[in-house]
Amino acid sequence: MTKPENFHIKSVAIIGSGAAGLTTLFELLNTKKDGSTSLRYNDDGELENSKVENSDPAFPKVVAFEQGSRIGGIWAPSFDTPDVIPQEAFDSEKYDDPLPYNLRQHYHQKSKKVISRRSAL
């Protein structure tokens, strides 16, 4: 790969710290200026902790931004408001339906209102 001599990236911003953002952060922090990685693995595939330091980083400043209060993106569960499947969804035995029962009821009621407004016109 050829690169222009005057092309020097000094900082990188990563938007979102979900699975992809954290993986990108990890890789960029461990990338050397020559494009190789500073990470070393032993014969068992385990990371050698003694060789993790990147003495020649490609990017002097790497920052990840996250909108939420903690990292993890949509993979981080919320224990404050856990998702609880209503019993009606189980009773319906429609497990292959992607729209949860309570949302279907909500949209069904909303569409009835829209239809009734249109028929009144």
C-alpha atoms as a PDB file:
ATOM      1  CA  MET A   1       0.000   0.000   0.000  1.00  0.00           C
ATOM      2  CA  THR A   2       1.342   3.406  -0.890  1.00  0.00           C
ATOM      3  CA  LYS A   3       0.626   6.426   1.211  1.00  0.00           C
ATOM      4  CA  PRO A   4       1.407  10.074   0.572  1.00  0.00           C
ATOM      5  CA  GLU A   5       4.275  11.460   2.601  1.00  0.00           C
ATOM      6  CA  ASN A   6       2.225  14.405   3.887  1.00  0.00           C
ATOM      7  CA  PHE A   7      -0.708  12.279   5.090  1.00  0.00           C
ATOM      8  CA  HIS A   8      -0.422  12.061   8.894  1.00  0.00           C
ATOM      9  CA  ILE A   9      -3.490  11.278  10.973  1.00  0.00           C
ATOM     10  CA  LYS A  10      -3.043  12.748  14.431  1.00  0.00           C
ATOM     11  CA  SER A  11      -6.365  11.881  16.037  1.00  0.00           C
ATOM     12  CA  VAL A  12      -9.273   9.502  15.500  1.00  0.00           C
ATOM     13  CA  ALA A  13     -12.823   9.821  16.861  1.00  0.00           C
ATOM     14  CA  ILE A  14     -14.953   6.702  17.251  1.00  0.00           C
ATOM     15  CA  ILE A  15     -18.669   7.349  17.493  1.00  0.00           C
ATOM     16  CA  GLY A  16     -20.359   4.796  19.733  1.00  0.00           C
ATOM     17  CA  SER A  17     -18.831   2.340  22.167  1.00  0.00           C
ATOM     18  CA  GLY A  18     -20.855  -0.729  21.372  1.00  0.00           C
ATOM     19  CA  ALA A  19     -19.263  -3.953  20.167  1.00  0.00           C
ATOM     20  CA  ALA A  20     -17.933  -2.426  16.923  1.00  0.00           C
ATOM     21  CA  GLY A  21     -16.743   0.801  18.559  1.00  0.00           C
ATOM     22  CA  LEU A  22     -14.852  -1.008  21.328  1.00  0.00           C
ATOM     23  CA  THR A  23     -13.267  -3.402  18.836  1.00  0.00           C
ATOM     24  CA  THR A  24     -12.175  -0.440  16.700  1.00  0.00           C
ATOM     25  CA  LEU A  25     -10.763   1.338  19.752  1.00  0.00           C
ATOM     26  CA  PHE A  26      -8.802  -1.769  20.768  1.00  0.00           C
ATOM     27  CA  GLU A  27      -7.376  -2.264  17.274  1.00  0.00           C
ATOM     28  CA  LEU A  28      -6.450   1.391  16.693  1.00  0.00           C
ATOM     29  CA  LEU A  29      -4.738   1.687  20.071  1.00  0.00           C
ATOM     30  CA  ASN A  30      -2.610  -1.357  19.204  1.00  0.00           C
ATOM     31  CA  THR A  31      -1.758  -0.391  15.593  1.00  0.00           C
ATOM     32  CA  LYS A  32       1.824   0.679  14.929  1.00  0.00           C
ATOM     33  CA  LYS A  33       2.880   3.346  12.398  1.00  0.00           C
ATOM     34  CA  ASP A  34       3.943   0.656   9.929  1.00  0.00           C
ATOM     35  CA  GLY A  35       0.421  -0.869  10.037  1.00  0.00           C
ATOM     36  CA  SER A  36       1.360  -3.913  12.102  1.00  0.00           C
ATOM     37  CA  THR A  37      -0.061  -4.713  15.512  1.00  0.00           C
ATOM     38  CA  SER A  38       1.680  -4.384  18.856  1.00  0.00           C
ATOM     39  CA  LEU A  39      -0.205  -7.393  20.209  1.00  0.00           C
ATOM     40  CA  ARG A  40       1.549 -10.729  20.589  1.00  0.00           C
ATOM     41  CA  TYR A  41      -0.092 -14.073  21.225  1.00  0.00           C
ATOM     42  CA  ASN A  42       1.441 -17.280  22.575  1.00  0.00           C
ATOM     43  CA  ASP A  43       1.094 -20.713  20.956  1.00  0.00           C
ATOM     44  CA  ASP A  44      -2.214 -21.300  22.794  1.00  0.00           C
ATOM     45  CA  GLY A  45      -3.733 -18.163  21.228  1.00  0.00           C
ATOM     46  CA  GLU A  46      -3.660 -16.260  24.527  1.00  0.00           C
ATOM     47  CA  LEU A  47      -2.595 -12.615  24.627  1.00  0.00           C
ATOM     48  CA  GLU A  48       0.873 -12.107  26.106  1.00  0.00           C
ATOM     49  CA  ASN A  49       0.292  -9.330  28.645  1.00  0.00           C
ATOM     50  CA  SER A  50       3.984  -8.481  28.857  1.00  0.00           C
ATOM     51  CA  LYS A  51       3.990  -7.399  25.177  1.00  0.00           C
ATOM     52  CA  VAL A  52       0.847  -5.234  25.059  1.00  0.00           C
ATOM     53  CA  GLU A  53       2.495  -1.795  25.159  1.00  0.00           C
ATOM     54  CA  ASN A  54       2.520   0.054  21.836  1.00  0.00           C
ATOM     55  CA  SER A  55       5.816   1.931  21.672  1.00  0.00           C
ATOM     56  CA  ASP A  56       5.202   3.274  18.138  1.00  0.00           C
ATOM     57  CA  PRO A  57       1.461   4.099  17.879  1.00  0.00           C
ATOM     58  CA  ALA A  58       0.017   5.009  14.491  1.00  0.00           C
ATOM     59  CA  PHE A  59      -2.513   7.368  16.062  1.00  0.00           C
ATOM     60  CA  PRO A  60      -1.364   9.669  18.898  1.00  0.00           C
ATOM     61  CA  LYS A  61      -4.925  10.329  20.043  1.00  0.00           C
ATOM     62  CA  VAL A  62      -7.869   7.908  19.826  1.00  0.00           C
ATOM     63  CA  VAL A  63     -11.147   8.890  21.502  1.00  0.00           C
ATOM     64  CA  ALA A  64     -14.430   6.959  21.697  1.00  0.00           C
ATOM     65  CA  PHE A  65     -17.691   8.818  22.272  1.00  0.00           C
ATOM     66  CA  GLU A  66     -20.789   7.174  23.727  1.00  0.00           C
ATOM     67  CA  GLN A  67     -24.242   8.734  24.039  1.00  0.00           C
ATOM     68  CA  GLY A  68     -25.304   6.412  26.853  1.00  0.00           C
ATOM     69  CA  SER A  69     -24.140   6.564  30.431  1.00  0.00           C
ATOM     70  CA  ARG A  70     -21.955   3.455  29.989  1.00  0.00           C
ATOM     71  CA  ILE A  71     -20.206   1.524  27.262  1.00  0.00           C
ATOM     72  CA  GLY A  72     -21.672  -1.475  25.496  1.00  0.00           C
ATOM     73  CA  GLY A  73     -24.191   0.034  23.082  1.00  0.00           C
ATOM     74  CA  ILE A  74     -27.353  -1.986  22.568  1.00  0.00           C
ATOM     75  CA  TRP A  75     -25.584  -5.029  24.007  1.00  0.00           C
ATOM     76  CA  ALA A  76     -25.441  -3.470  27.476  1.00  0.00           C
ATOM     77  CA  PRO A  77     -28.594  -4.525  29.306  1.00  0.00           C
ATOM     78  CA  SER A  78     -30.528  -2.034  31.389  1.00  0.00           C
ATOM     79  CA  PHE A  79     -31.172  -3.445  34.824  1.00  0.00           C
ATOM     80  CA  ASP A  80     -33.087  -0.310  35.820  1.00  0.00           C
ATOM     81  CA  THR A  81     -35.848  -1.013  33.300  1.00  0.00           C
ATOM     82  CA  PRO A  82     -35.524  -4.673  32.304  1.00  0.00           C
ATOM     83  CA  ASP A  83     -37.398  -5.976  29.297  1.00  0.00           C
ATOM     84  CA  VAL A  84     -40.230  -8.150  30.513  1.00  0.00           C
ATOM     85  CA  ILE A  85     -42.274 -10.107  28.024  1.00  0.00           C
ATOM     86  CA  PRO A  86     -45.972  -9.814  28.893  1.00  0.00           C
ATOM     87  CA  GLN A  87     -47.805 -13.049  29.641  1.00  0.00           C
ATOM     88  CA  GLU A  88     -50.179 -12.339  26.732  1.00  0.00           C
ATOM     89  CA  ALA A  89     -47.288 -12.854  24.305  1.00  0.00           C
ATOM     90  CA  PHE A  90     -46.684 -16.344  25.673  1.00  0.00           C
ATOM     91  CA  ASP A  91     -50.388 -17.151  25.691  1.00  0.00           C
ATOM     92  CA  SER A  92     -50.675 -16.236  21.998  1.00  0.00           C
ATOM     93  CA  GLU A  93     -48.138 -18.966  21.042  1.00  0.00           C
ATOM     94  CA  LYS A  94     -46.920 -16.748  18.186  1.00  0.00           C
ATOM     95  CA  TYR A  95     -43.229 -16.966  18.999  1.00  0.00           C
ATOM     96  CA  ASP A  96     -42.094 -16.317  15.433  1.00  0.00           C
ATOM     97  CA  ASP A  97     -43.754 -12.894  15.279  1.00  0.00           C
ATOM     98  CA  PRO A  98     -41.111 -10.126  15.478  1.00  0.00           C
ATOM     99  CA  LEU A  99     -43.539  -7.504  16.806  1.00  0.00           C
ATOM    100  CA  PRO A 100     -44.181  -7.961  20.536  1.00  0.00           C
ATOM    101  CA  TYR A 101     -47.785  -8.301  21.665  1.00  0.00           C
ATOM    102  CA  ASN A 102     -47.916  -4.984  23.530  1.00  0.00           C
ATOM    103  CA  LEU A 103     -46.505  -3.072  20.537  1.00  0.00           C
ATOM    104  CA  ARG A 104     -48.945  -4.758  18.182  1.00  0.00           C
ATOM    105  CA  GLN A 105     -51.831  -3.678  20.433  1.00  0.00           C
ATOM    106  CA  HIS A 106     -50.446  -0.145  20.543  1.00  0.00           C
ATOM    107  CA  TYR A 107     -50.111   0.119  16.746  1.00  0.00           C
ATOM    108  CA  HIS A 108     -53.447  -1.589  16.187  1.00  0.00           C
ATOM    109  CA  GLN A 109     -55.221   0.945  18.416  1.00  0.00           C
ATOM    110  CA  LYS A 110     -53.337   3.800  16.770  1.00  0.00           C
ATOM    111  CA  SER A 111     -54.245   2.611  13.254  1.00  0.00           C
ATOM    112  CA  LYS A 112     -57.929   2.356  14.250  1.00  0.00           C
ATOM    113  CA  LYS A 113     -57.826   6.024  15.266  1.00  0.00           C
ATOM    114  CA  VAL A 114     -56.186   7.036  11.982  1.00  0.00           C
ATOM    115  CA  ILE A 115     -58.729   5.028   9.952  1.00  0.00           C
ATOM    116  CA  SER A 116     -61.648   6.472  11.883  1.00  0.00           C
ATOM    117  CA  ARG A 117     -60.303  10.017  11.345  1.00  0.00           C
ATOM    118  CA  ARG A 118     -59.960   9.403   7.588  1.00  0.00           C
ATOM    119  CA  SER A 119     -63.455   7.941   7.287  1.00  0.00           C
ATOM    120  CA  ALA A 120     -64.859  10.983   9.125  1.00  0.00           C
ATOM    121  CA  LEU A 121     -63.358  13.270   6.485  1.00  0.00           C
END
